[in-house]
Amino acid sequence: MIIRIMGQGQYKVPSSLFDELNAIDNRIVDHVTKGDEKAYKQDLAALISKVKQNGKILAAEELVESDVIVPPEDLTFTEAKDVFTGTGIFED
């Protein structure tokens, strides 16, 4: 699975990690829905960290379509309301 973190490149992440990343994504949607900005920021940072720790960064010149695009860690809470809706960024 290829995941792009906006502004930080693409990572090849084992597909076995999908369920864990999807669970974090679902929590982020819940935080945004409930208006919990602090929990949103913590889980977005956790999501990005999990991708970086478990993924292998792809070379910048390697052009591969991303399966998932993760917004940058500095995405504002207001902007998150447009991104983290419904099922979130990870499709079940």
N, C-alpha and C. Protein backbone atom coordinates (compact mmCIF):
# COMPACT_ATOMS: atom_id res chain seq x y z
N MET A 1 0.86 -1.16 0.00
CA MET A 1 0.00 0.00 0.00
C MET A 1 0.91 1.23 0.00
N ILE A 2 0.59 2.19 -0.87
CA ILE A 2 1.37 3.42 -0.97
C ILE A 2 0.59 4.55 -0.32
N ILE A 3 1.21 5.21 0.65
CA ILE A 3 0.58 6.31 1.36
C ILE A 3 1.43 7.56 1.19
N ARG A 4 0.79 8.62 0.73
CA ARG A 4 1.47 9.92 0.61
C ARG A 4 1.10 10.76 1.83
N ILE A 5 2.12 11.28 2.47
CA ILE A 5 1.90 12.28 3.52
C ILE A 5 2.20 13.62 2.85
N MET A 6 1.20 14.45 2.74
CA MET A 6 1.38 15.70 2.00
C MET A 6 2.56 16.49 2.55
N GLY A 7 3.46 16.85 1.64
CA GLY A 7 4.63 17.64 2.01
C GLY A 7 5.78 16.81 2.56
N GLN A 8 5.59 15.48 2.68
CA GLN A 8 6.64 14.65 3.26
C GLN A 8 6.98 13.41 2.43
N GLY A 9 6.33 13.24 1.30
CA GLY A 9 6.66 12.14 0.42
C GLY A 9 5.73 10.94 0.54
N GLN A 10 6.14 9.88 -0.19
CA GLN A 10 5.35 8.66 -0.24
C GLN A 10 6.06 7.54 0.53
N TYR A 11 5.25 6.68 1.14
CA TYR A 11 5.76 5.55 1.91
C TYR A 11 5.08 4.28 1.46
N LYS A 12 5.89 3.23 1.31
CA LYS A 12 5.33 1.90 1.04
C LYS A 12 5.11 1.25 2.40
N VAL A 13 3.85 0.98 2.70
CA VAL A 13 3.45 0.48 4.02
C VAL A 13 2.84 -0.91 3.84
N PRO A 14 3.17 -1.86 4.72
CA PRO A 14 2.58 -3.19 4.60
C PRO A 14 1.05 -3.13 4.68
N SER A 15 0.39 -3.87 3.82
CA SER A 15 -1.08 -3.91 3.81
C SER A 15 -1.64 -4.42 5.14
N SER A 16 -0.84 -5.18 5.85
CA SER A 16 -1.28 -5.72 7.14
C SER A 16 -1.54 -4.61 8.17
N LEU A 17 -1.05 -3.42 7.89
CA LEU A 17 -1.22 -2.28 8.79
C LEU A 17 -2.52 -1.52 8.53
N PHE A 18 -3.21 -1.89 7.44
CA PHE A 18 -4.41 -1.16 7.03
C PHE A 18 -5.43 -1.03 8.16
N ASP A 19 -5.76 -2.12 8.83
CA ASP A 19 -6.81 -2.09 9.86
C ASP A 19 -6.45 -1.13 11.00
N GLU A 20 -5.19 -1.13 11.39
CA GLU A 20 -4.76 -0.24 12.47
C GLU A 20 -4.83 1.23 12.04
N LEU A 21 -4.37 1.51 10.82
CA LEU A 21 -4.42 2.88 10.31
C LEU A 21 -5.87 3.32 10.12
N ASN A 22 -6.71 2.41 9.64
CA ASN A 22 -8.12 2.73 9.45
C ASN A 22 -8.81 3.03 10.79
N ALA A 23 -8.42 2.31 11.84
CA ALA A 23 -9.00 2.56 13.17
C ALA A 23 -8.63 3.96 13.66
N ILE A 24 -7.37 4.37 13.44
CA ILE A 24 -6.95 5.72 13.83
C ILE A 24 -7.73 6.75 13.01
N ASP A 25 -7.86 6.50 11.71
CA ASP A 25 -8.61 7.37 10.82
C ASP A 25 -10.05 7.52 11.30
N ASN A 26 -10.68 6.43 11.68
CA ASN A 26 -12.06 6.47 12.17
C ASN A 26 -12.17 7.28 13.46
N ARG A 27 -11.16 7.17 14.33
CA ARG A 27 -11.15 7.98 15.56
C ARG A 27 -11.04 9.47 15.22
N ILE A 28 -10.21 9.78 14.22
CA ILE A 28 -10.05 11.18 13.81
C ILE A 28 -11.39 11.73 13.32
N VAL A 29 -12.11 10.96 12.50
CA VAL A 29 -13.43 11.39 12.02
C VAL A 29 -14.34 11.66 13.22
N ASP A 30 -14.30 10.78 14.21
CA ASP A 30 -15.13 10.93 15.41
C ASP A 30 -14.75 12.20 16.18
N HIS A 31 -13.44 12.45 16.33
CA HIS A 31 -12.98 13.65 17.03
C HIS A 31 -13.46 14.92 16.32
N VAL A 32 -13.34 14.92 14.99
CA VAL A 32 -13.75 16.09 14.21
C VAL A 32 -15.25 16.30 14.34
N THR A 33 -16.00 15.21 14.27
CA THR A 33 -17.46 15.29 14.39
C THR A 33 -17.87 15.85 15.75
N LYS A 34 -17.16 15.44 16.79
CA LYS A 34 -17.50 15.87 18.16
C LYS A 34 -16.87 17.22 18.53
N GLY A 35 -15.99 17.74 17.67
CA GLY A 35 -15.37 19.03 17.95
C GLY A 35 -14.19 18.95 18.92
N ASP A 36 -13.58 17.78 19.04
CA ASP A 36 -12.46 17.59 19.97
C ASP A 36 -11.13 17.83 19.25
N GLU A 37 -10.71 19.08 19.21
CA GLU A 37 -9.50 19.46 18.47
C GLU A 37 -8.24 18.84 19.05
N LYS A 38 -8.13 18.78 20.36
CA LYS A 38 -6.93 18.22 20.99
C LYS A 38 -6.76 16.74 20.60
N ALA A 39 -7.81 15.96 20.71
CA ALA A 39 -7.73 14.54 20.35
C ALA A 39 -7.48 14.37 18.86
N TYR A 40 -8.06 15.24 18.03
CA TYR A 40 -7.82 15.22 16.59
C TYR A 40 -6.32 15.37 16.31
N LYS A 41 -5.71 16.38 16.90
CA LYS A 41 -4.28 16.64 16.67
C LYS A 41 -3.42 15.47 17.13
N GLN A 42 -3.76 14.88 18.26
CA GLN A 42 -2.99 13.74 18.79
C GLN A 42 -3.09 12.54 17.85
N ASP A 43 -4.29 12.24 17.38
CA ASP A 43 -4.45 11.07 16.52
C ASP A 43 -3.90 11.30 15.11
N LEU A 44 -3.98 12.53 14.59
CA LEU A 44 -3.37 12.79 13.29
C LEU A 44 -1.86 12.61 13.39
N ALA A 45 -1.26 13.09 14.47
CA ALA A 45 0.18 12.89 14.69
C ALA A 45 0.50 11.41 14.82
N ALA A 46 -0.36 10.66 15.50
CA ALA A 46 -0.15 9.22 15.66
C ALA A 46 -0.24 8.49 14.32
N LEU A 47 -1.19 8.90 13.49
CA LEU A 47 -1.35 8.30 12.16
C LEU A 47 -0.10 8.51 11.31
N ILE A 48 0.37 9.74 11.28
CA ILE A 48 1.55 10.08 10.49
C ILE A 48 2.77 9.34 11.03
N SER A 49 2.91 9.30 12.32
CA SER A 49 4.04 8.60 12.95
C SER A 49 4.02 7.11 12.62
N LYS A 50 2.84 6.50 12.66
CA LYS A 50 2.70 5.07 12.37
C LYS A 50 3.12 4.77 10.93
N VAL A 51 2.73 5.63 10.00
CA VAL A 51 3.11 5.45 8.59
C VAL A 51 4.63 5.56 8.45
N LYS A 52 5.21 6.58 9.06
CA LYS A 52 6.66 6.78 8.94
C LYS A 52 7.46 5.65 9.60
N GLN A 53 7.00 5.18 10.75
CA GLN A 53 7.73 4.13 11.47
C GLN A 53 7.66 2.78 10.77
N ASN A 54 6.54 2.52 10.10
CA ASN A 54 6.34 1.20 9.50
C ASN A 54 6.49 1.17 7.99
N GLY A 55 6.64 2.34 7.39
CA GLY A 55 6.75 2.42 5.94
C GLY A 55 8.18 2.65 5.49
N LYS A 56 8.39 2.38 4.22
CA LYS A 56 9.68 2.63 3.59
C LYS A 56 9.46 3.80 2.64
N ILE A 57 10.21 4.88 2.85
CA ILE A 57 10.03 6.07 2.01
C ILE A 57 10.48 5.76 0.58
N LEU A 58 9.69 6.22 -0.37
CA LEU A 58 10.02 6.03 -1.78
C LEU A 58 10.84 7.22 -2.26
N ALA A 59 11.73 6.96 -3.19
CA ALA A 59 12.56 8.02 -3.75
C ALA A 59 11.65 9.03 -4.46
N ALA A 60 12.04 10.30 -4.40
CA ALA A 60 11.23 11.37 -4.98
C ALA A 60 11.00 11.16 -6.48
N GLU A 61 11.97 10.57 -7.16
CA GLU A 61 11.83 10.37 -8.60
C GLU A 61 10.99 9.13 -8.95
N GLU A 62 10.63 8.35 -7.95
CA GLU A 62 9.80 7.17 -8.17
C GLU A 62 8.33 7.60 -8.18
N LEU A 63 7.72 7.55 -9.37
CA LEU A 63 6.34 8.00 -9.51
C LEU A 63 5.39 6.81 -9.38
N VAL A 64 4.65 6.79 -8.29
CA VAL A 64 3.72 5.71 -8.00
C VAL A 64 2.42 6.35 -7.52
N GLU A 65 1.30 5.84 -8.00
CA GLU A 65 0.01 6.36 -7.55
C GLU A 65 -0.20 6.00 -6.09
N SER A 66 -0.64 6.97 -5.31
CA SER A 66 -0.90 6.76 -3.88
C SER A 66 -2.26 6.11 -3.68
N ASP A 67 -2.31 5.14 -2.76
CA ASP A 67 -3.58 4.53 -2.39
C ASP A 67 -4.34 5.42 -1.41
N VAL A 68 -3.59 6.12 -0.57
CA VAL A 68 -4.17 7.01 0.44
C VAL A 68 -3.31 8.26 0.53
N ILE A 69 -3.96 9.40 0.67
CA ILE A 69 -3.23 10.66 0.87
C ILE A 69 -3.58 11.18 2.26
N VAL A 70 -2.56 11.31 3.09
CA VAL A 70 -2.72 11.79 4.45
C VAL A 70 -2.37 13.28 4.47
N PRO A 71 -3.24 14.08 5.04
CA PRO A 71 -2.93 15.52 5.11
C PRO A 71 -1.74 15.78 6.03
N PRO A 72 -1.14 16.95 5.91
CA PRO A 72 0.00 17.28 6.77
C PRO A 72 -0.43 17.44 8.23
N GLU A 73 0.53 17.28 9.11
CA GLU A 73 0.25 17.36 10.55
C GLU A 73 -0.25 18.74 10.97
N ASP A 74 0.06 19.77 10.19
CA ASP A 74 -0.38 21.11 10.54
C ASP A 74 -1.74 21.48 9.94
N LEU A 75 -2.47 20.48 9.44
CA LEU A 75 -3.82 20.72 8.93
C LEU A 75 -4.67 21.30 10.05
N THR A 76 -5.29 22.43 9.80
CA THR A 76 -6.08 23.06 10.85
C THR A 76 -7.34 22.24 11.13
N PHE A 77 -7.90 22.45 12.29
CA PHE A 77 -9.12 21.75 12.68
C PHE A 77 -10.26 22.12 11.72
N THR A 78 -10.31 23.36 11.30
CA THR A 78 -11.34 23.80 10.35
C THR A 78 -11.17 23.06 9.02
N GLU A 79 -9.94 22.95 8.54
CA GLU A 79 -9.68 22.23 7.29
C GLU A 79 -10.00 20.74 7.45
N ALA A 80 -9.75 20.21 8.63
CA ALA A 80 -10.00 18.78 8.89
C ALA A 80 -11.47 18.44 8.73
N LYS A 81 -12.34 19.39 8.97
CA LYS A 81 -13.78 19.14 8.84
C LYS A 81 -14.16 18.82 7.40
N ASP A 82 -13.35 19.26 6.43
CA ASP A 82 -13.61 18.95 5.02
C ASP A 82 -12.95 17.64 4.58
N VAL A 83 -11.94 17.19 5.33
CA VAL A 83 -11.17 16.00 4.96
C VAL A 83 -11.67 14.76 5.67
N PHE A 84 -11.84 14.87 6.97
CA PHE A 84 -12.19 13.70 7.79
C PHE A 84 -13.70 13.64 8.00
N THR A 85 -14.38 13.18 6.96
CA THR A 85 -15.84 13.04 6.99
C THR A 85 -16.20 11.63 6.60
N GLY A 86 -17.40 11.21 6.88
CA GLY A 86 -17.88 9.89 6.46
C GLY A 86 -16.99 8.78 6.95
N THR A 87 -16.35 8.07 6.00
CA THR A 87 -15.48 6.96 6.36
C THR A 87 -14.03 7.41 6.54
N GLY A 88 -13.75 8.69 6.35
CA GLY A 88 -12.39 9.19 6.51
C GLY A 88 -11.57 9.01 5.24
N ILE A 89 -10.25 9.01 5.41
CA ILE A 89 -9.36 8.93 4.25
C ILE A 89 -9.03 7.49 3.87
N PHE A 90 -9.24 6.55 4.77
CA PHE A 90 -9.03 5.13 4.48
C PHE A 90 -10.39 4.52 4.17
N GLU A 91 -10.55 4.00 2.97
CA GLU A 91 -11.82 3.41 2.57
C GLU A 91 -11.83 1.94 3.01
N ASP A 92 -12.91 1.54 3.65
CA ASP A 92 -13.04 0.13 4.08
C ASP A 92 -13.22 -0.78 2.89
